[in-house]
Amino acid sequence: MNTDYANQPTQSNFPVMTLEELETTAKDLYGPAWTSKLARVLGITPGAVGYWKSSKGTVPNPAAVAIRALAALKAGASPASES
């Protein structure tokens, strides 16, 4: 496990996931009832995803990276090649 946090990417290194991108990507992955399914896969509560959807919160970068990676895997691409 890498504990050299000084050399880890910061939030500014990743594009922010917009609400539109979240909804579009999650619906593509899990269908119209995507909130609880996405929450289960990410290991978080549906309320946290609901908070993001309410536009009161932003999607944390670790979650955004995971969601984009899931979408890339579904599309048959390597998540690393998405940048």
C-alpha atoms as a PDB file:
ATOM      1  CA  MET A   1       0.000   0.000   0.000  1.00  0.00           C
ATOM      2  CA  ASN A   2       1.386   3.373  -1.021  1.00  0.00           C
ATOM      3  CA  THR A   3       1.393   5.737   1.952  1.00  0.00           C
ATOM      4  CA  ASP A   4       3.419   8.463   0.269  1.00  0.00           C
ATOM      5  CA  TYR A   5       0.517  10.909   0.237  1.00  0.00           C
ATOM      6  CA  ALA A   6       2.683  13.841  -0.792  1.00  0.00           C
ATOM      7  CA  ASN A   7       3.046  12.294  -4.245  1.00  0.00           C
ATOM      8  CA  GLN A   8      -0.610  11.326  -4.698  1.00  0.00           C
ATOM      9  CA  PRO A   9      -2.721  13.151  -7.305  1.00  0.00           C
ATOM     10  CA  THR A  10      -4.808  15.949  -5.910  1.00  0.00           C
ATOM     11  CA  GLN A  11      -8.396  16.785  -6.744  1.00  0.00           C
ATOM     12  CA  SER A  12      -7.250  19.477  -9.154  1.00  0.00           C
ATOM     13  CA  ASN A  13      -5.630  16.762 -11.312  1.00  0.00           C
ATOM     14  CA  PHE A  14      -9.016  15.286 -12.205  1.00  0.00           C
ATOM     15  CA  PRO A  15     -11.943  16.859 -14.022  1.00  0.00           C
ATOM     16  CA  VAL A  16     -14.948  17.510 -11.827  1.00  0.00           C
ATOM     17  CA  MET A  17     -17.907  15.212 -12.501  1.00  0.00           C
ATOM     18  CA  THR A  18     -20.938  17.318 -13.315  1.00  0.00           C
ATOM     19  CA  LEU A  19     -24.447  16.356 -12.271  1.00  0.00           C
ATOM     20  CA  GLU A  20     -25.260  15.780 -15.942  1.00  0.00           C
ATOM     21  CA  GLU A  21     -22.291  13.419 -16.349  1.00  0.00           C
ATOM     22  CA  LEU A  22     -23.224  11.578 -13.149  1.00  0.00           C
ATOM     23  CA  GLU A  23     -26.813  11.036 -14.244  1.00  0.00           C
ATOM     24  CA  THR A  24     -25.958  10.091 -17.824  1.00  0.00           C
ATOM     25  CA  THR A  25     -23.202   7.687 -16.841  1.00  0.00           C
ATOM     26  CA  ALA A  26     -25.105   6.081 -13.976  1.00  0.00           C
ATOM     27  CA  LYS A  27     -28.263   5.613 -16.062  1.00  0.00           C
ATOM     28  CA  ASP A  28     -26.171   3.960 -18.755  1.00  0.00           C
ATOM     29  CA  LEU A  29     -24.609   1.640 -16.192  1.00  0.00           C
ATOM     30  CA  TYR A  30     -27.643   0.774 -14.056  1.00  0.00           C
ATOM     31  CA  GLY A  31     -30.819   1.978 -15.765  1.00  0.00           C
ATOM     32  CA  PRO A  32     -33.422   4.492 -14.599  1.00  0.00           C
ATOM     33  CA  ALA A  33     -33.363   3.328 -10.955  1.00  0.00           C
ATOM     34  CA  TRP A  34     -29.624   3.835 -10.681  1.00  0.00           C
ATOM     35  CA  THR A  35     -29.233   5.605  -7.329  1.00  0.00           C
ATOM     36  CA  SER A  36     -29.300   2.614  -4.981  1.00  0.00           C
ATOM     37  CA  LYS A  37     -27.445   0.365  -7.424  1.00  0.00           C
ATOM     38  CA  LEU A  38     -24.599   2.862  -7.803  1.00  0.00           C
ATOM     39  CA  ALA A  39     -24.478   3.391  -4.046  1.00  0.00           C
ATOM     40  CA  ARG A  40     -24.196  -0.367  -3.462  1.00  0.00           C
ATOM     41  CA  VAL A  41     -21.333  -0.711  -5.957  1.00  0.00           C
ATOM     42  CA  LEU A  42     -19.475   2.264  -4.454  1.00  0.00           C
ATOM     43  CA  GLY A  43     -20.068   1.049  -0.895  1.00  0.00           C
ATOM     44  CA  ILE A  44     -21.912   4.186   0.196  1.00  0.00           C
ATOM     45  CA  THR A  45     -25.463   5.031   1.219  1.00  0.00           C
ATOM     46  CA  PRO A  46     -28.132   5.930  -1.329  1.00  0.00           C
ATOM     47  CA  GLY A  47     -28.504   9.162   0.637  1.00  0.00           C
ATOM     48  CA  ALA A  48     -24.978  10.183  -0.317  1.00  0.00           C
ATOM     49  CA  VAL A  49     -25.774   9.685  -3.994  1.00  0.00           C
ATOM     50  CA  GLY A  50     -29.040  11.557  -3.464  1.00  0.00           C
ATOM     51  CA  TYR A  51     -27.062  14.439  -2.012  1.00  0.00           C
ATOM     52  CA  TRP A  52     -24.931  14.596  -5.149  1.00  0.00           C
ATOM     53  CA  LYS A  53     -28.084  14.460  -7.291  1.00  0.00           C
ATOM     54  CA  SER A  54     -29.663  17.332  -5.370  1.00  0.00           C
ATOM     55  CA  SER A  55     -26.926  19.650  -6.661  1.00  0.00           C
ATOM     56  CA  LYS A  56     -26.051  20.459  -3.050  1.00  0.00           C
ATOM     57  CA  GLY A  57     -22.957  18.318  -3.171  1.00  0.00           C
ATOM     58  CA  THR A  58     -20.338  17.563  -5.717  1.00  0.00           C
ATOM     59  CA  VAL A  59     -19.259  14.061  -6.622  1.00  0.00           C
ATOM     60  CA  PRO A  60     -16.056  13.357  -4.688  1.00  0.00           C
ATOM     61  CA  ASN A  61     -13.165  12.617  -7.005  1.00  0.00           C
ATOM     62  CA  PRO A  62     -12.607   9.039  -5.791  1.00  0.00           C
ATOM     63  CA  ALA A  63     -16.240   8.292  -6.638  1.00  0.00           C
ATOM     64  CA  ALA A  64     -16.004  10.116  -9.973  1.00  0.00           C
ATOM     65  CA  VAL A  65     -12.907   8.122 -10.914  1.00  0.00           C
ATOM     66  CA  ALA A  66     -14.641   4.862  -9.940  1.00  0.00           C
ATOM     67  CA  ILE A  67     -17.802   5.731 -11.909  1.00  0.00           C
ATOM     68  CA  ARG A  68     -15.787   6.647 -14.995  1.00  0.00           C
ATOM     69  CA  ALA A  69     -13.775   3.424 -14.655  1.00  0.00           C
ATOM     70  CA  LEU A  70     -16.964   1.358 -14.419  1.00  0.00           C
ATOM     71  CA  ALA A  71     -18.282   3.055 -17.555  1.00  0.00           C
ATOM     72  CA  ALA A  72     -15.002   2.415 -19.376  1.00  0.00           C
ATOM     73  CA  LEU A  73     -15.077  -1.252 -18.379  1.00  0.00           C
ATOM     74  CA  LYS A  74     -18.654  -1.583 -19.582  1.00  0.00           C
ATOM     75  CA  ALA A  75     -17.637  -0.024 -22.885  1.00  0.00           C
ATOM     76  CA  GLY A  76     -14.758  -2.479 -23.161  1.00  0.00           C
ATOM     77  CA  ALA A  77     -12.024   0.113 -22.746  1.00  0.00           C
ATOM     78  CA  SER A  78      -9.204   0.156 -20.280  1.00  0.00           C
ATOM     79  CA  PRO A  79      -9.944   2.800 -17.595  1.00  0.00           C
ATOM     80  CA  ALA A  80      -6.328   3.945 -17.845  1.00  0.00           C
ATOM     81  CA  SER A  81      -6.798   4.794 -21.513  1.00  0.00           C
ATOM     82  CA  GLU A  82      -9.668   7.185 -20.809  1.00  0.00           C
ATOM     83  CA  SER A  83      -7.453  10.166 -20.059  1.00  0.00           C
END
